[in-house]
Amino acid sequence: MTEEKARITRPLDAVEIRILGSLMEKQQSTPEYYPMTVNALVAACNQKSNRDPVNEYSETEIRAALDRLQDSKLVWQILGSRVPRWEHNLDRLWQVTPQQKALLTVLFLRGPQTSGEMRGRTDRLHPFANGEEVEQILRDLARESAPLVREQSRRPGQKETRWVHLVGIDTPDESPLADERKPAEPLLTRLERLETRVEDLVAELGRLKERLGE
């Protein structure tokens, strides 16, 4: 891995990822309001739309996460104005292109998605010509020496594969037929448990009848 491709030195937690996604979103969609104050970041991280999951992070949590991100050189505090503001450092540190940054933004804010979903959700961040362009950029990101995304295998009932970022502690793992890898419970065991449950219900019904004098 070359020095310029060294992405992160540790997995990021959920609030750190939400902060980075919010900073990236603001930079691309409304740059006149970027860099962001802590109050603006709290509102952006807890936004009810375009977020999955919806969270209620406190200002204390946001400030603590900003300190951790700054220690990792992923964000910087901008001084000189009446209220300190924050900006991310991913353009330089991760060397992402505008197209890559747009796709990473929606992955950070909304979790695993199909390429089609990402194309529809990045219209305010960066215009993509078609779905093939989105797929190619994602595959390029996945093939790098320090990949930032991974394609999840299609699961039963899914028409398309989904993509997930690789910077978080709890990155969802949906490898092929993940649920089917769990050993199936033997049918006899299930029947025995069901019989026991029926017996318990019959006994409970009998006690209830006794109390009612039947």
C-alpha atoms as a PDB file:
ATOM      1  CA  MET A   1       0.000   0.000   0.000  1.00  0.00           C
ATOM      2  CA  THR A   2       1.471   3.322  -0.985  1.00  0.00           C
ATOM      3  CA  GLU A   3       1.488   6.220   1.414  1.00  0.00           C
ATOM      4  CA  GLU A   4      -1.029   8.257  -0.579  1.00  0.00           C
ATOM      5  CA  LYS A   5      -3.461   5.334  -0.535  1.00  0.00           C
ATOM      6  CA  ALA A   6      -3.360   4.813   3.247  1.00  0.00           C
ATOM      7  CA  ARG A   7      -6.978   5.559   3.983  1.00  0.00           C
ATOM      8  CA  ILE A   8      -7.619   5.261   7.710  1.00  0.00           C
ATOM      9  CA  THR A   9      -5.669   3.943  10.671  1.00  0.00           C
ATOM     10  CA  ARG A  10      -8.678   2.605  12.593  1.00  0.00           C
ATOM     11  CA  PRO A  11     -12.314   1.673  11.972  1.00  0.00           C
ATOM     12  CA  LEU A  12     -14.719   4.559  12.499  1.00  0.00           C
ATOM     13  CA  ASP A  13     -17.769   4.402  14.746  1.00  0.00           C
ATOM     14  CA  ALA A  14     -21.315   5.301  13.757  1.00  0.00           C
ATOM     15  CA  VAL A  15     -21.273   8.923  14.921  1.00  0.00           C
ATOM     16  CA  GLU A  16     -17.922   9.570  13.230  1.00  0.00           C
ATOM     17  CA  ILE A  17     -19.247   8.179   9.944  1.00  0.00           C
ATOM     18  CA  ARG A  18     -22.419  10.273  10.255  1.00  0.00           C
ATOM     19  CA  ILE A  19     -20.327  13.412  10.834  1.00  0.00           C
ATOM     20  CA  LEU A  20     -18.149  12.757   7.796  1.00  0.00           C
ATOM     21  CA  GLY A  21     -21.192  12.045   5.646  1.00  0.00           C
ATOM     22  CA  SER A  22     -22.893  15.243   6.816  1.00  0.00           C
ATOM     23  CA  LEU A  23     -19.791  17.349   6.137  1.00  0.00           C
ATOM     24  CA  MET A  24     -19.371  15.822   2.677  1.00  0.00           C
ATOM     25  CA  GLU A  25     -23.052  16.304   1.877  1.00  0.00           C
ATOM     26  CA  LYS A  26     -22.997  19.979   2.881  1.00  0.00           C
ATOM     27  CA  GLN A  27     -19.794  20.641   0.950  1.00  0.00           C
ATOM     28  CA  GLN A  28     -21.308  19.255  -2.249  1.00  0.00           C
ATOM     29  CA  SER A  29     -24.961  20.306  -2.001  1.00  0.00           C
ATOM     30  CA  THR A  30     -24.800  23.756  -0.351  1.00  0.00           C
ATOM     31  CA  PRO A  31     -21.151  24.865  -0.269  1.00  0.00           C
ATOM     32  CA  GLU A  32     -22.158  28.351   0.869  1.00  0.00           C
ATOM     33  CA  TYR A  33     -22.925  26.835   4.298  1.00  0.00           C
ATOM     34  CA  TYR A  34     -19.683  24.886   4.504  1.00  0.00           C
ATOM     35  CA  PRO A  35     -17.555  24.497   6.709  1.00  0.00           C
ATOM     36  CA  MET A  36     -20.097  23.728   9.433  1.00  0.00           C
ATOM     37  CA  THR A  37     -20.577  24.812  13.035  1.00  0.00           C
ATOM     38  CA  VAL A  38     -21.142  22.220  15.747  1.00  0.00           C
ATOM     39  CA  ASN A  39     -24.813  23.239  15.990  1.00  0.00           C
ATOM     40  CA  ALA A  40     -25.237  22.762  12.245  1.00  0.00           C
ATOM     41  CA  LEU A  41     -23.539  19.391  12.455  1.00  0.00           C
ATOM     42  CA  VAL A  42     -25.824  18.227  15.251  1.00  0.00           C
ATOM     43  CA  ALA A  43     -28.845  19.162  13.137  1.00  0.00           C
ATOM     44  CA  ALA A  44     -27.413  17.511  10.028  1.00  0.00           C
ATOM     45  CA  CYS A  45     -26.462  14.296  11.812  1.00  0.00           C
ATOM     46  CA  ASN A  46     -29.932  14.014  13.378  1.00  0.00           C
ATOM     47  CA  GLN A  47     -31.809  14.931  10.214  1.00  0.00           C
ATOM     48  CA  LYS A  48     -35.011  12.924   9.778  1.00  0.00           C
ATOM     49  CA  SER A  49     -34.752  12.667   5.987  1.00  0.00           C
ATOM     50  CA  ASN A  50     -31.996  11.085   3.886  1.00  0.00           C
ATOM     51  CA  ARG A  51     -30.607   9.280   6.945  1.00  0.00           C
ATOM     52  CA  ASP A  52     -30.648   5.600   7.790  1.00  0.00           C
ATOM     53  CA  PRO A  53     -30.862   4.975  10.632  1.00  0.00           C
ATOM     54  CA  VAL A  54     -32.304   8.180  12.081  1.00  0.00           C
ATOM     55  CA  ASN A  55     -30.364   9.087  15.233  1.00  0.00           C
ATOM     56  CA  GLU A  56     -30.503  11.570  18.087  1.00  0.00           C
ATOM     57  CA  TYR A  57     -26.858  12.365  18.783  1.00  0.00           C
ATOM     58  CA  SER A  58     -26.202  14.889  21.534  1.00  0.00           C
ATOM     59  CA  GLU A  59     -23.888  17.861  21.134  1.00  0.00           C
ATOM     60  CA  THR A  60     -21.537  16.159  23.611  1.00  0.00           C
ATOM     61  CA  GLU A  61     -21.359  13.059  21.402  1.00  0.00           C
ATOM     62  CA  ILE A  62     -20.739  15.154  18.290  1.00  0.00           C
ATOM     63  CA  ARG A  63     -17.960  17.168  19.941  1.00  0.00           C
ATOM     64  CA  ALA A  64     -16.257  14.041  21.274  1.00  0.00           C
ATOM     65  CA  ALA A  65     -16.408  12.410  17.827  1.00  0.00           C
ATOM     66  CA  LEU A  66     -15.004  15.548  16.200  1.00  0.00           C
ATOM     67  CA  ASP A  67     -12.053  15.402  18.583  1.00  0.00           C
ATOM     68  CA  ARG A  68     -11.408  11.784  17.615  1.00  0.00           C
ATOM     69  CA  LEU A  69     -11.689  12.570  13.912  1.00  0.00           C
ATOM     70  CA  GLN A  70      -9.338  15.513  14.297  1.00  0.00           C
ATOM     71  CA  ASP A  71      -6.794  13.282  16.046  1.00  0.00           C
ATOM     72  CA  SER A  72      -6.977  11.025  12.983  1.00  0.00           C
ATOM     73  CA  LYS A  73      -6.630  14.065  10.692  1.00  0.00           C
ATOM     74  CA  LEU A  74      -9.988  13.303   9.066  1.00  0.00           C
ATOM     75  CA  VAL A  75     -11.446  16.717  10.002  1.00  0.00           C
ATOM     76  CA  TRP A  76     -10.061  20.152  10.792  1.00  0.00           C
ATOM     77  CA  GLN A  77     -11.374  22.986  12.927  1.00  0.00           C
ATOM     78  CA  ILE A  78     -11.435  26.298  11.068  1.00  0.00           C
ATOM     79  CA  LEU A  79     -10.744  29.270  13.321  1.00  0.00           C
ATOM     80  CA  GLY A  80     -10.944  32.960  12.615  1.00  0.00           C
ATOM     81  CA  SER A  81     -14.709  33.448  12.546  1.00  0.00           C
ATOM     82  CA  ARG A  82     -17.011  34.263  15.423  1.00  0.00           C
ATOM     83  CA  VAL A  83     -18.056  30.626  15.720  1.00  0.00           C
ATOM     84  CA  PRO A  84     -15.540  27.801  15.056  1.00  0.00           C
ATOM     85  CA  ARG A  85     -16.391  25.666  12.049  1.00  0.00           C
ATOM     86  CA  TRP A  86     -15.392  22.207  10.874  1.00  0.00           C
ATOM     87  CA  GLU A  87     -14.456  20.714   7.530  1.00  0.00           C
ATOM     88  CA  HIS A  88     -13.445  17.227   6.432  1.00  0.00           C
ATOM     89  CA  ASN A  89     -10.021  16.352   5.070  1.00  0.00           C
ATOM     90  CA  LEU A  90     -10.964  13.412   2.847  1.00  0.00           C
ATOM     91  CA  ASP A  91     -10.274  15.130  -0.475  1.00  0.00           C
ATOM     92  CA  ARG A  92      -6.593  15.252   0.376  1.00  0.00           C
ATOM     93  CA  LEU A  93      -6.219  12.333   2.773  1.00  0.00           C
ATOM     94  CA  TRP A  94      -8.212   9.778   0.771  1.00  0.00           C
ATOM     95  CA  GLN A  95      -7.655  11.427  -2.620  1.00  0.00           C
ATOM     96  CA  VAL A  96     -11.243  10.829  -3.699  1.00  0.00           C
ATOM     97  CA  THR A  97     -12.673  12.254  -6.902  1.00  0.00           C
ATOM     98  CA  PRO A  98     -15.967  14.222  -6.928  1.00  0.00           C
ATOM     99  CA  GLN A  99     -17.747  11.140  -8.272  1.00  0.00           C
ATOM    100  CA  GLN A 100     -16.306   8.866  -5.584  1.00  0.00           C
ATOM    101  CA  LYS A 101     -17.063  11.386  -2.857  1.00  0.00           C
ATOM    102  CA  ALA A 102     -20.710  11.631  -3.902  1.00  0.00           C
ATOM    103  CA  LEU A 103     -21.171   7.861  -3.705  1.00  0.00           C
ATOM    104  CA  LEU A 104     -19.330   7.577  -0.388  1.00  0.00           C
ATOM    105  CA  THR A 105     -21.493  10.368   1.014  1.00  0.00           C
ATOM    106  CA  VAL A 106     -24.755   8.506   0.495  1.00  0.00           C
ATOM    107  CA  LEU A 107     -23.209   5.258   1.736  1.00  0.00           C
ATOM    108  CA  PHE A 108     -22.083   7.013   4.929  1.00  0.00           C
ATOM    109  CA  LEU A 109     -25.513   8.572   5.451  1.00  0.00           C
ATOM    110  CA  ARG A 110     -27.811   5.741   4.388  1.00  0.00           C
ATOM    111  CA  GLY A 111     -25.919   2.468   4.636  1.00  0.00           C
ATOM    112  CA  PRO A 112     -25.896  -0.365   2.064  1.00  0.00           C
ATOM    113  CA  GLN A 113     -27.579   0.506  -1.237  1.00  0.00           C
ATOM    114  CA  THR A 114     -27.819  -0.609  -4.836  1.00  0.00           C
ATOM    115  CA  SER A 115     -26.017   1.390  -7.502  1.00  0.00           C
ATOM    116  CA  GLY A 116     -29.389   2.526  -8.809  1.00  0.00           C
ATOM    117  CA  GLU A 117     -30.409   3.866  -5.415  1.00  0.00           C
ATOM    118  CA  MET A 118     -27.111   5.703  -5.105  1.00  0.00           C
ATOM    119  CA  ARG A 119     -27.471   7.296  -8.518  1.00  0.00           C
ATOM    120  CA  GLY A 120     -30.903   8.614  -7.559  1.00  0.00           C
ATOM    121  CA  ARG A 121     -29.705   9.911  -4.209  1.00  0.00           C
ATOM    122  CA  THR A 122     -26.633  11.741  -5.506  1.00  0.00           C
ATOM    123  CA  ASP A 123     -28.440  14.079  -7.901  1.00  0.00           C
ATOM    124  CA  ARG A 124     -27.742  17.075  -5.621  1.00  0.00           C
ATOM    125  CA  LEU A 125     -24.128  16.043  -5.075  1.00  0.00           C
ATOM    126  CA  HIS A 126     -22.826  15.025  -8.495  1.00  0.00           C
ATOM    127  CA  PRO A 127     -24.663  14.181 -11.727  1.00  0.00           C
ATOM    128  CA  PHE A 128     -23.995  10.744 -13.181  1.00  0.00           C
ATOM    129  CA  ALA A 129     -24.599  10.012 -16.847  1.00  0.00           C
ATOM    130  CA  ASN A 130     -26.053   6.559 -16.237  1.00  0.00           C
ATOM    131  CA  GLY A 131     -26.024   3.542 -13.972  1.00  0.00           C
ATOM    132  CA  GLU A 132     -23.022   2.040 -15.751  1.00  0.00           C
ATOM    133  CA  GLU A 133     -20.896   5.020 -14.690  1.00  0.00           C
ATOM    134  CA  VAL A 134     -21.907   4.510 -11.056  1.00  0.00           C
ATOM    135  CA  GLU A 135     -21.096   0.799 -11.238  1.00  0.00           C
ATOM    136  CA  GLN A 136     -17.687   1.466 -12.757  1.00  0.00           C
ATOM    137  CA  ILE A 137     -16.722   3.992 -10.093  1.00  0.00           C
ATOM    138  CA  LEU A 138     -17.799   1.619  -7.332  1.00  0.00           C
ATOM    139  CA  ARG A 139     -15.816  -1.233  -8.846  1.00  0.00           C
ATOM    140  CA  ASP A 140     -12.762   1.004  -9.127  1.00  0.00           C
ATOM    141  CA  LEU A 141     -13.087   1.914  -5.439  1.00  0.00           C
ATOM    142  CA  ALA A 142     -13.424  -1.757  -4.533  1.00  0.00           C
ATOM    143  CA  ARG A 143     -10.320  -2.756  -6.509  1.00  0.00           C
ATOM    144  CA  GLU A 144      -7.956  -0.258  -4.880  1.00  0.00           C
ATOM    145  CA  SER A 145      -5.192  -1.443  -2.577  1.00  0.00           C
ATOM    146  CA  ALA A 146      -7.102   0.053   0.357  1.00  0.00           C
ATOM    147  CA  PRO A 147     -10.728  -0.342  -0.799  1.00  0.00           C
ATOM    148  CA  LEU A 148     -13.421   1.880   0.653  1.00  0.00           C
ATOM    149  CA  VAL A 149     -16.403  -0.124  -0.629  1.00  0.00           C
ATOM    150  CA  ARG A 150     -17.415  -3.718  -1.227  1.00  0.00           C
ATOM    151  CA  GLU A 151     -20.164  -5.295  -3.276  1.00  0.00           C
ATOM    152  CA  GLN A 152     -22.459  -7.541  -1.274  1.00  0.00           C
ATOM    153  CA  SER A 153     -23.663 -10.739  -2.857  1.00  0.00           C
ATOM    154  CA  ARG A 154     -27.285 -10.886  -3.931  1.00  0.00           C
ATOM    155  CA  ARG A 155     -29.460 -12.518  -1.295  1.00  0.00           C
ATOM    156  CA  PRO A 156     -32.656 -14.518  -1.860  1.00  0.00           C
ATOM    157  CA  GLY A 157     -35.443 -12.206  -2.987  1.00  0.00           C
ATOM    158  CA  GLN A 158     -33.114  -9.385  -4.019  1.00  0.00           C
ATOM    159  CA  LYS A 159     -33.038  -8.348  -7.658  1.00  0.00           C
ATOM    160  CA  GLU A 160     -29.817  -6.327  -7.382  1.00  0.00           C
ATOM    161  CA  THR A 161     -26.652  -6.465  -5.348  1.00  0.00           C
ATOM    162  CA  ARG A 162     -25.963  -3.763  -2.810  1.00  0.00           C
ATOM    163  CA  TRP A 163     -22.767  -1.894  -1.984  1.00  0.00           C
ATOM    164  CA  VAL A 164     -21.414  -1.113   1.480  1.00  0.00           C
ATOM    165  CA  HIS A 165     -18.601   1.129   2.721  1.00  0.00           C
ATOM    166  CA  LEU A 166     -15.674  -0.427   4.585  1.00  0.00           C
ATOM    167  CA  VAL A 167     -14.682   2.298   7.061  1.00  0.00           C
ATOM    168  CA  GLY A 168     -16.909   1.378   9.989  1.00  0.00           C
ATOM    169  CA  ILE A 169     -16.690  -0.870  13.016  1.00  0.00           C
ATOM    170  CA  ASP A 170     -20.061  -2.473  12.351  1.00  0.00           C
ATOM    171  CA  THR A 171     -19.961  -2.707   8.572  1.00  0.00           C
ATOM    172  CA  PRO A 172     -22.862  -5.025   7.681  1.00  0.00           C
ATOM    173  CA  ASP A 173     -21.746  -8.440   6.471  1.00  0.00           C
ATOM    174  CA  GLU A 174     -24.167  -9.864   3.973  1.00  0.00           C
ATOM    175  CA  SER A 175     -22.044 -12.421   2.220  1.00  0.00           C
ATOM    176  CA  PRO A 176     -23.747 -15.030   0.018  1.00  0.00           C
ATOM    177  CA  LEU A 177     -26.722 -16.625   1.729  1.00  0.00           C
ATOM    178  CA  ALA A 178     -25.525 -15.527   5.145  1.00  0.00           C
ATOM    179  CA  ASP A 179     -28.697 -16.686   6.844  1.00  0.00           C
ATOM    180  CA  GLU A 180     -28.577 -20.058   5.110  1.00  0.00           C
ATOM    181  CA  ARG A 181     -25.118 -20.754   6.537  1.00  0.00           C
ATOM    182  CA  LYS A 182     -26.702 -21.062   9.995  1.00  0.00           C
ATOM    183  CA  PRO A 183     -27.441 -24.730  10.738  1.00  0.00           C
ATOM    184  CA  ALA A 184     -31.125 -25.491  10.338  1.00  0.00           C
ATOM    185  CA  GLU A 185     -32.927 -26.674  13.443  1.00  0.00           C
ATOM    186  CA  PRO A 186     -33.892 -30.355  13.126  1.00  0.00           C
ATOM    187  CA  LEU A 187     -37.587 -30.929  12.426  1.00  0.00           C
ATOM    188  CA  LEU A 188     -37.897 -33.354  15.343  1.00  0.00           C
ATOM    189  CA  THR A 189     -36.600 -30.715  17.753  1.00  0.00           C
ATOM    190  CA  ARG A 190     -39.112 -28.199  16.468  1.00  0.00           C
ATOM    191  CA  LEU A 191     -41.969 -30.705  16.866  1.00  0.00           C
ATOM    192  CA  GLU A 192     -40.918 -31.602  20.401  1.00  0.00           C
ATOM    193  CA  ARG A 193     -40.820 -27.924  21.368  1.00  0.00           C
ATOM    194  CA  LEU A 194     -44.247 -27.390  19.828  1.00  0.00           C
ATOM    195  CA  GLU A 195     -45.703 -30.399  21.709  1.00  0.00           C
ATOM    196  CA  THR A 196     -44.324 -29.058  24.971  1.00  0.00           C
ATOM    197  CA  ARG A 197     -45.901 -25.699  24.291  1.00  0.00           C
ATOM    198  CA  VAL A 198     -49.277 -27.308  23.564  1.00  0.00           C
ATOM    199  CA  GLU A 199     -49.089 -29.315  26.794  1.00  0.00           C
ATOM    200  CA  ASP A 200     -48.356 -26.125  28.745  1.00  0.00           C
ATOM    201  CA  LEU A 201     -51.345 -24.412  27.169  1.00  0.00           C
ATOM    202  CA  VAL A 202     -53.658 -27.343  27.940  1.00  0.00           C
ATOM    203  CA  ALA A 203     -52.510 -27.331  31.570  1.00  0.00           C
ATOM    204  CA  GLU A 204     -53.021 -23.582  31.810  1.00  0.00           C
ATOM    205  CA  LEU A 205     -56.520 -23.939  30.356  1.00  0.00           C
ATOM    206  CA  GLY A 206     -57.318 -26.628  32.915  1.00  0.00           C
ATOM    207  CA  ARG A 207     -56.244 -24.398  35.808  1.00  0.00           C
ATOM    208  CA  LEU A 208     -58.313 -21.550  34.401  1.00  0.00           C
ATOM    209  CA  LYS A 209     -61.418 -23.774  34.245  1.00  0.00           C
ATOM    210  CA  GLU A 210     -60.921 -24.847  37.858  1.00  0.00           C
ATOM    211  CA  ARG A 211     -60.823 -21.226  38.991  1.00  0.00           C
ATOM    212  CA  LEU A 212     -64.011 -20.522  37.077  1.00  0.00           C
ATOM    213  CA  GLY A 213     -65.743 -23.541  38.615  1.00  0.00           C
ATOM    214  CA  GLU A 214     -66.250 -25.386  35.385  1.00  0.00           C
END
